Each structure stands twice: as C-alpha cells, then as structure tokens.
C-alpha cells in the first residue's frame, strides 16, 4: 500500500470515529440540557459512556490535545471531532432545533 492510500484510509477512519462519537452523543442529548451560554450537557450512560471516553482519549492523543485535566483534554478533542463530523448549526448538540436520532 502506498502512502497516499494509507493517508486516505486514516482520514476515512478519523471521520468514522467522529461520526460515531456524534451518533452516541445525539442518542443521549435532550433539549432541556442546554445551558444559558449555549453549552450542551449530555449524560451518556454506560456502556456508551465507556465508548465515548475511549474515542475522546484516542482523539486527544491523535490531535495532540493537552489540558490541565483529562476532562479538559477530552473536551478539546470533542470540539475537534464535532468539527470533523460536520457539526452543523441546527444540531441539538449546538443548541439548535435539530431532531433526535
């Protein structure tokens, strides 16, 4: 396999990881969990929470995110993952009026 093929496959894997993270978050988001500043709190139950944590840890390592805490690193990685997944303005994950599912 040549380098360009490996790069393309890695990029496709990255987008797939981003989409899976977004899917899991959307599955558990509720409109009442949007704070006044637009922050969305998503309570992800086990076992999905373990998957989301692992995805965020891998993304943080991949993106080189370093925060003062594990949570800050995960939060920074989440922002980049959502950008990679095409986080649109009508998404419930952005305080919009998007639909669940």
N, C-alpha and C. Protein backbone atom coordinates (compact mmCIF):
# COMPACT_ATOMS: atom_id res chain seq x y z
N UNK A 1 0.85 -1.17 0.00
CA UNK A 1 0.00 0.00 0.00
C UNK A 1 0.91 1.24 0.00
N UNK A 2 0.57 2.18 -0.86
CA UNK A 2 1.37 3.41 -0.94
C UNK A 2 0.90 4.41 0.11
N UNK A 3 1.75 5.40 0.36
CA UNK A 3 1.49 6.37 1.43
C UNK A 3 0.17 7.10 1.25
N UNK A 4 -0.18 7.45 0.02
CA UNK A 4 -1.43 8.19 -0.19
C UNK A 4 -2.65 7.33 0.15
N UNK A 5 -2.57 6.03 -0.11
CA UNK A 5 -3.68 5.13 0.25
C UNK A 5 -3.80 5.02 1.77
N UNK A 6 -2.67 4.92 2.46
CA UNK A 6 -2.70 4.86 3.92
C UNK A 6 -3.27 6.14 4.50
N UNK A 7 -2.89 7.28 3.94
CA UNK A 7 -3.40 8.56 4.41
C UNK A 7 -4.91 8.64 4.20
N UNK A 8 -5.37 8.21 3.03
CA UNK A 8 -6.81 8.24 2.73
C UNK A 8 -7.59 7.34 3.68
N UNK A 9 -7.07 6.16 3.96
CA UNK A 9 -7.74 5.24 4.89
C UNK A 9 -7.75 5.80 6.31
N UNK A 10 -6.66 6.42 6.71
CA UNK A 10 -6.61 7.03 8.04
C UNK A 10 -7.62 8.17 8.14
N UNK A 11 -7.74 8.96 7.08
CA UNK A 11 -8.71 10.05 7.07
C UNK A 11 -10.13 9.51 7.17
N UNK A 12 -10.42 8.44 6.44
CA UNK A 12 -11.75 7.84 6.49
C UNK A 12 -12.04 7.29 7.89
N UNK A 13 -11.04 6.69 8.52
CA UNK A 13 -11.20 6.19 9.88
C UNK A 13 -11.47 7.34 10.84
N UNK A 14 -10.75 8.44 10.68
CA UNK A 14 -10.96 9.61 11.53
C UNK A 14 -12.38 10.15 11.43
N UNK A 15 -12.89 10.23 10.23
CA UNK A 15 -14.27 10.71 10.04
C UNK A 15 -15.25 9.71 10.64
N UNK A 16 -14.99 8.42 10.50
CA UNK A 16 -15.87 7.41 11.08
C UNK A 16 -15.89 7.51 12.60
N UNK A 17 -14.74 7.73 13.21
CA UNK A 17 -14.67 7.90 14.67
C UNK A 17 -15.46 9.15 15.08
N UNK A 18 -15.30 10.22 14.33
CA UNK A 18 -16.03 11.45 14.63
C UNK A 18 -17.53 11.25 14.51
N UNK A 19 -17.96 10.56 13.47
CA UNK A 19 -19.39 10.31 13.27
C UNK A 19 -19.96 9.41 14.36
N UNK A 20 -19.20 8.41 14.78
CA UNK A 20 -19.67 7.53 15.86
C UNK A 20 -19.80 8.29 17.17
N UNK A 21 -18.85 9.16 17.45
CA UNK A 21 -18.93 9.99 18.65
C UNK A 21 -20.18 10.86 18.60
N UNK A 22 -20.39 11.48 17.46
CA UNK A 22 -21.58 12.35 17.30
C UNK A 22 -22.86 11.54 17.43
N UNK A 23 -22.91 10.34 16.85
CA UNK A 23 -24.10 9.50 16.93
C UNK A 23 -24.42 9.15 18.38
N UNK A 24 -23.40 8.76 19.14
CA UNK A 24 -23.61 8.41 20.54
C UNK A 24 -24.09 9.61 21.35
N UNK A 25 -23.52 10.78 21.09
CA UNK A 25 -23.96 11.97 21.82
C UNK A 25 -25.39 12.35 21.46
N UNK A 26 -25.72 12.30 20.18
CA UNK A 26 -27.09 12.63 19.76
C UNK A 26 -28.11 11.69 20.37
N UNK A 27 -27.72 10.43 20.50
CA UNK A 27 -28.62 9.43 21.07
C UNK A 27 -29.07 9.80 22.47
N UNK A 28 -28.20 10.51 23.21
CA UNK A 28 -28.47 10.80 24.61
C UNK A 28 -28.74 12.27 24.91
N UNK A 29 -28.72 13.14 23.91
CA UNK A 29 -28.93 14.57 24.15
C UNK A 29 -30.43 14.85 24.33
N UNK A 30 -30.74 15.80 25.19
CA UNK A 30 -32.12 16.24 25.41
C UNK A 30 -32.12 17.76 25.39
N UNK A 31 -33.14 18.38 24.76
CA UNK A 31 -33.18 19.84 24.65
C UNK A 31 -33.09 20.58 25.98
N UNK A 32 -33.56 19.99 27.06
CA UNK A 32 -33.55 20.67 28.35
C UNK A 32 -32.14 20.77 28.94
N UNK A 33 -31.17 20.16 28.30
CA UNK A 33 -29.81 20.15 28.84
C UNK A 33 -28.92 21.22 28.21
N UNK A 34 -29.54 22.27 27.63
CA UNK A 34 -28.77 23.36 27.04
C UNK A 34 -28.69 24.50 28.05
N UNK A 35 -27.48 24.90 28.42
CA UNK A 35 -27.28 25.98 29.39
C UNK A 35 -27.52 27.33 28.72
N UNK A 36 -27.63 28.37 29.51
CA UNK A 36 -27.88 29.72 29.00
C UNK A 36 -26.77 30.19 28.06
N UNK A 37 -25.54 29.73 28.28
CA UNK A 37 -24.43 30.14 27.41
C UNK A 37 -24.31 29.28 26.15
N UNK A 38 -25.26 28.35 25.96
CA UNK A 38 -25.25 27.51 24.77
C UNK A 38 -24.54 26.18 24.95
N UNK A 39 -23.94 25.97 26.11
CA UNK A 39 -23.27 24.71 26.39
C UNK A 39 -24.30 23.60 26.51
N UNK A 40 -24.01 22.48 25.88
CA UNK A 40 -24.91 21.33 25.93
C UNK A 40 -24.32 20.28 26.86
N UNK A 41 -25.08 19.86 27.84
CA UNK A 41 -24.64 18.81 28.74
C UNK A 41 -25.31 17.53 28.29
N UNK A 42 -24.51 16.51 28.07
CA UNK A 42 -25.03 15.22 27.62
C UNK A 42 -24.62 14.17 28.63
N UNK A 43 -25.61 13.51 29.23
CA UNK A 43 -25.35 12.44 30.18
C UNK A 43 -25.40 11.13 29.41
N UNK A 44 -24.25 10.54 29.19
CA UNK A 44 -24.16 9.30 28.42
C UNK A 44 -24.00 8.13 29.39
N UNK A 45 -24.99 7.23 29.44
CA UNK A 45 -24.92 6.10 30.38
C UNK A 45 -23.97 5.01 29.88
N UNK A 46 -23.54 4.16 30.82
CA UNK A 46 -22.73 3.00 30.50
C UNK A 46 -23.58 2.04 29.68
N UNK A 47 -23.12 1.37 28.68
CA UNK A 47 -21.75 1.22 28.21
C UNK A 47 -21.33 2.26 27.17
N UNK A 48 -22.28 3.06 26.67
CA UNK A 48 -21.93 4.08 25.68
C UNK A 48 -20.91 5.06 26.22
N UNK A 49 -20.97 5.37 27.51
CA UNK A 49 -20.03 6.31 28.12
C UNK A 49 -18.59 5.81 28.00
N UNK A 50 -18.40 4.52 28.17
CA UNK A 50 -17.05 3.95 28.06
C UNK A 50 -16.53 4.09 26.63
N UNK A 51 -17.41 3.92 25.65
CA UNK A 51 -17.02 4.06 24.25
C UNK A 51 -16.67 5.51 23.95
N UNK A 52 -17.51 6.45 24.40
CA UNK A 52 -17.25 7.87 24.16
C UNK A 52 -15.94 8.29 24.82
N UNK A 53 -15.69 7.86 26.05
CA UNK A 53 -14.44 8.21 26.72
C UNK A 53 -13.24 7.68 25.94
N UNK A 54 -13.33 6.44 25.47
CA UNK A 54 -12.21 5.87 24.71
C UNK A 54 -11.99 6.63 23.41
N UNK A 55 -13.08 6.98 22.71
CA UNK A 55 -12.96 7.74 21.47
C UNK A 55 -12.33 9.11 21.72
N UNK A 56 -12.74 9.76 22.80
CA UNK A 56 -12.18 11.08 23.12
C UNK A 56 -10.72 10.99 23.53
N UNK A 57 -10.35 9.94 24.26
CA UNK A 57 -8.95 9.76 24.64
C UNK A 57 -8.07 9.52 23.42
N UNK A 58 -8.54 8.71 22.49
CA UNK A 58 -7.79 8.45 21.25
C UNK A 58 -7.69 9.74 20.45
N UNK A 59 -8.79 10.47 20.34
CA UNK A 59 -8.78 11.73 19.58
C UNK A 59 -7.85 12.74 20.22
N UNK A 60 -7.86 12.84 21.55
CA UNK A 60 -6.98 13.79 22.24
C UNK A 60 -5.52 13.46 21.95
N UNK A 61 -5.19 12.19 21.96
CA UNK A 61 -3.82 11.77 21.66
C UNK A 61 -3.48 12.08 20.20
N UNK A 62 -4.41 11.77 19.31
CA UNK A 62 -4.19 11.99 17.87
C UNK A 62 -4.03 13.48 17.56
N UNK A 63 -4.87 14.33 18.17
CA UNK A 63 -4.83 15.76 17.91
C UNK A 63 -3.76 16.47 18.74
N UNK A 64 -3.12 15.75 19.65
CA UNK A 64 -2.09 16.37 20.50
C UNK A 64 -2.66 17.29 21.55
N UNK A 65 -3.89 17.02 21.98
CA UNK A 65 -4.54 17.87 22.99
C UNK A 65 -3.97 17.59 24.37
N UNK A 66 -3.60 18.63 25.06
CA UNK A 66 -3.11 18.52 26.43
C UNK A 66 -3.84 19.57 27.26
N UNK A 67 -4.60 19.12 28.21
CA UNK A 67 -5.29 20.05 29.09
C UNK A 67 -4.76 19.92 30.50
N UNK A 68 -5.25 20.77 31.38
CA UNK A 68 -4.85 20.70 32.78
C UNK A 68 -5.39 19.44 33.43
N UNK A 69 -6.43 18.87 32.82
CA UNK A 69 -7.02 17.63 33.33
C UNK A 69 -7.42 16.75 32.15
N UNK A 70 -7.75 15.51 32.46
CA UNK A 70 -8.23 14.59 31.43
C UNK A 70 -9.51 15.13 30.80
N UNK A 71 -10.37 15.70 31.64
CA UNK A 71 -11.64 16.24 31.13
C UNK A 71 -11.41 17.39 30.15
N UNK A 72 -10.45 18.27 30.44
CA UNK A 72 -10.16 19.38 29.52
C UNK A 72 -9.62 18.85 28.19
N UNK A 73 -8.78 17.84 28.26
CA UNK A 73 -8.24 17.23 27.03
C UNK A 73 -9.36 16.61 26.21
N UNK A 74 -10.27 15.90 26.90
CA UNK A 74 -11.41 15.29 26.20
C UNK A 74 -12.32 16.34 25.59
N UNK A 75 -12.55 17.42 26.33
CA UNK A 75 -13.43 18.49 25.83
C UNK A 75 -12.84 19.12 24.57
N UNK A 76 -11.54 19.37 24.58
CA UNK A 76 -10.88 19.95 23.41
C UNK A 76 -10.93 18.98 22.22
N UNK A 77 -10.73 17.70 22.49
CA UNK A 77 -10.80 16.69 21.43
C UNK A 77 -12.22 16.60 20.89
N UNK A 78 -13.22 16.69 21.77
CA UNK A 78 -14.61 16.63 21.33
C UNK A 78 -14.94 17.76 20.37
N UNK A 79 -14.46 18.96 20.67
CA UNK A 79 -14.71 20.09 19.77
C UNK A 79 -14.16 19.81 18.38
N UNK A 80 -12.95 19.26 18.32
CA UNK A 80 -12.36 18.95 17.02
C UNK A 80 -13.08 17.80 16.32
N UNK A 81 -13.50 16.80 17.09
CA UNK A 81 -14.25 15.69 16.49
C UNK A 81 -15.56 16.17 15.89
N UNK A 82 -16.26 17.05 16.60
CA UNK A 82 -17.53 17.56 16.09
C UNK A 82 -17.32 18.42 14.84
N UNK A 83 -16.22 19.15 14.78
CA UNK A 83 -15.90 19.90 13.57
C UNK A 83 -15.64 18.94 12.42
N UNK A 84 -14.90 17.88 12.69
CA UNK A 84 -14.59 16.88 11.68
C UNK A 84 -15.86 16.18 11.19
N UNK A 85 -16.83 16.02 12.08
CA UNK A 85 -18.08 15.35 11.72
C UNK A 85 -19.07 16.30 11.06
N UNK A 86 -18.66 17.53 10.79
CA UNK A 86 -19.56 18.48 10.13
C UNK A 86 -20.62 19.00 11.07
N UNK A 87 -20.23 19.36 12.26
CA UNK A 87 -21.16 19.86 13.29
C UNK A 87 -21.91 21.08 12.77
N UNK A 88 -23.16 20.90 12.41
CA UNK A 88 -23.93 21.98 11.81
C UNK A 88 -24.66 22.82 12.86
N UNK A 89 -25.07 24.01 12.46
CA UNK A 89 -25.68 24.95 13.40
C UNK A 89 -27.07 24.53 13.84
N UNK A 90 -27.79 23.67 13.11
CA UNK A 90 -29.12 23.27 13.61
C UNK A 90 -29.08 22.03 14.48
N UNK A 91 -27.93 21.50 14.75
CA UNK A 91 -27.82 20.31 15.58
C UNK A 91 -28.20 20.60 17.01
N UNK A 92 -28.87 19.65 17.66
CA UNK A 92 -29.17 19.80 19.08
C UNK A 92 -27.88 19.91 19.87
N UNK A 93 -26.81 19.37 19.35
CA UNK A 93 -25.54 19.45 20.05
C UNK A 93 -24.97 20.87 19.99
N UNK A 94 -25.60 21.75 19.22
CA UNK A 94 -25.17 23.13 19.14
C UNK A 94 -26.27 24.08 19.59
N UNK A 95 -27.26 23.56 20.30
CA UNK A 95 -28.34 24.39 20.82
C UNK A 95 -29.38 24.76 19.79
N UNK A 96 -29.35 24.11 18.63
CA UNK A 96 -30.30 24.39 17.56
C UNK A 96 -31.58 23.61 17.73
N UNK A 97 -32.33 23.50 16.66
CA UNK A 97 -33.62 22.83 16.72
C UNK A 97 -33.60 21.50 15.98
N UNK A 98 -32.44 20.92 15.84
CA UNK A 98 -32.32 19.64 15.14
C UNK A 98 -33.14 18.56 15.81
N UNK A 99 -33.29 17.41 15.15
CA UNK A 99 -34.09 16.34 15.71
C UNK A 99 -33.21 15.23 16.26
N UNK A 100 -33.78 14.43 17.13
CA UNK A 100 -33.05 13.30 17.73
C UNK A 100 -32.95 12.18 16.72
N UNK A 101 -31.85 11.43 16.86
CA UNK A 101 -31.76 10.20 16.08
C UNK A 101 -30.71 10.19 15.10
